[in-house]
Amino acid sequence: MVSPAVRERRTTPAAVAEEILEEKLEDIATILCKSETDRSRLYDEVLAMVERGLVRIALRRSNHVKSAAAAYLGINRNTFQKKMVKLGIDHDPE
């Protein structure tokens, strides 16, 4: 738990967002760490979830225009397209 004094210093949007994300990741890690395999895939699974979420958000905010979605995320359009394929994201609106 973060002390109130530390919480007050976290006033930038990025700092607040990071704190919220960390709290949510704590819950996600608790759910996903219950793996029956010897090797944890927690890191890979969480990164894939985050990437899928960001790609979907970028597509929605850009009216499903891939070049605009890539620009929104600050990545190359070809990289964006490869991520969509890798993550199994259809380019058509939901």
Protein backbone atom coordinates (compact mmCIF):
# COMPACT_ATOMS: atom_id res chain seq x y z
CA MET A 1 0.00 0.00 0.00
CA VAL A 2 1.28 3.46 -0.90
CA SER A 3 1.54 5.98 1.92
CA PRO A 4 -0.59 9.14 1.66
CA ALA A 5 2.56 11.31 1.41
CA VAL A 6 3.85 9.32 -1.56
CA ARG A 7 0.39 9.27 -3.15
CA GLU A 8 0.22 13.09 -2.99
CA ARG A 9 3.50 13.39 -4.96
CA ARG A 10 2.09 11.23 -7.77
CA THR A 11 0.17 13.96 -9.48
CA THR A 12 1.25 13.65 -13.10
CA PRO A 13 -1.15 11.78 -15.35
CA ALA A 14 1.54 9.20 -16.15
CA ALA A 15 2.27 8.59 -12.46
CA VAL A 16 -1.40 8.21 -11.61
CA ALA A 17 -1.93 5.86 -14.56
CA GLU A 18 1.09 3.78 -13.54
CA GLU A 19 -0.26 3.43 -10.01
CA ILE A 20 -3.68 2.32 -11.28
CA LEU A 21 -2.06 -0.12 -13.70
CA GLU A 22 0.14 -1.62 -11.00
CA GLU A 23 -2.87 -2.20 -8.75
CA LYS A 24 -4.73 -3.96 -11.58
CA LEU A 25 -1.63 -5.98 -12.53
CA GLU A 26 -1.41 -7.22 -8.96
CA ASP A 27 -4.89 -8.75 -9.33
CA ILE A 28 -4.10 -10.14 -12.78
CA ALA A 29 -0.85 -11.70 -11.53
CA THR A 30 -2.73 -13.37 -8.70
CA ILE A 31 -5.19 -14.92 -11.15
CA LEU A 32 -2.62 -16.00 -13.74
CA CYS A 33 0.14 -17.28 -11.47
CA LYS A 34 -1.92 -20.36 -10.63
CA SER A 35 -0.23 -22.28 -13.43
CA GLU A 36 0.11 -26.04 -13.50
CA THR A 37 3.37 -25.88 -15.44
CA ASP A 38 6.82 -25.54 -13.91
CA ARG A 39 7.65 -22.47 -15.96
CA SER A 40 5.57 -19.34 -15.47
CA ARG A 41 4.30 -17.58 -18.57
CA LEU A 42 2.99 -14.65 -16.54
CA TYR A 43 5.23 -12.06 -18.21
CA ASP A 44 4.38 -13.18 -21.76
CA GLU A 45 0.66 -13.48 -21.01
CA VAL A 46 0.40 -10.03 -19.43
CA LEU A 47 2.39 -8.37 -22.22
CA ALA A 48 0.13 -9.98 -24.83
CA MET A 49 -2.96 -8.77 -22.92
CA VAL A 50 -1.62 -5.23 -22.72
CA GLU A 51 -0.66 -5.20 -26.41
CA ARG A 52 -4.07 -6.56 -27.46
CA GLY A 53 -5.80 -3.92 -25.37
CA LEU A 54 -3.69 -1.09 -26.77
CA VAL A 55 -4.17 -2.25 -30.37
CA ARG A 56 -7.95 -2.49 -29.90
CA ILE A 57 -8.10 0.95 -28.26
CA ALA A 58 -5.98 2.46 -31.05
CA LEU A 59 -8.22 0.90 -33.71
CA ARG A 60 -11.39 2.21 -32.07
CA ARG A 61 -9.97 5.71 -31.59
CA SER A 62 -8.83 5.83 -35.22
CA ASN A 63 -12.08 4.50 -36.70
CA HIS A 64 -10.23 1.29 -37.65
CA VAL A 65 -7.72 3.06 -39.89
CA LYS A 66 -4.54 1.08 -39.30
CA SER A 67 -2.08 3.81 -40.26
CA ALA A 68 -3.81 6.22 -37.87
CA ALA A 69 -3.92 3.57 -35.13
CA ALA A 70 -0.21 2.92 -35.57
CA ALA A 71 0.51 6.65 -35.40
CA TYR A 72 -1.65 6.90 -32.25
CA LEU A 73 0.58 4.27 -30.61
CA GLY A 74 3.77 5.78 -32.02
CA ILE A 75 4.76 2.70 -34.01
CA ASN A 76 5.28 1.91 -37.68
CA ARG A 77 2.22 0.74 -39.65
CA ASN A 78 3.98 -2.50 -40.66
CA THR A 79 4.85 -3.21 -37.03
CA PHE A 80 1.22 -2.51 -36.10
CA GLN A 81 0.01 -4.93 -38.78
CA LYS A 82 2.40 -7.66 -37.57
CA LYS A 83 1.20 -7.18 -34.00
CA MET A 84 -2.41 -7.51 -35.12
CA VAL A 85 -1.61 -10.84 -36.82
CA LYS A 86 0.49 -12.10 -33.89
CA LEU A 87 -2.24 -11.18 -31.39
CA GLY A 88 -5.06 -12.56 -33.52
CA ILE A 89 -6.86 -9.24 -33.90
CA ASP A 90 -9.23 -8.87 -36.84
CA HIS A 91 -9.00 -5.51 -38.59
CA ASP A 92 -12.75 -5.17 -39.07
CA PRO A 93 -14.77 -3.09 -36.59
CA GLU A 94 -16.27 -5.09 -33.74
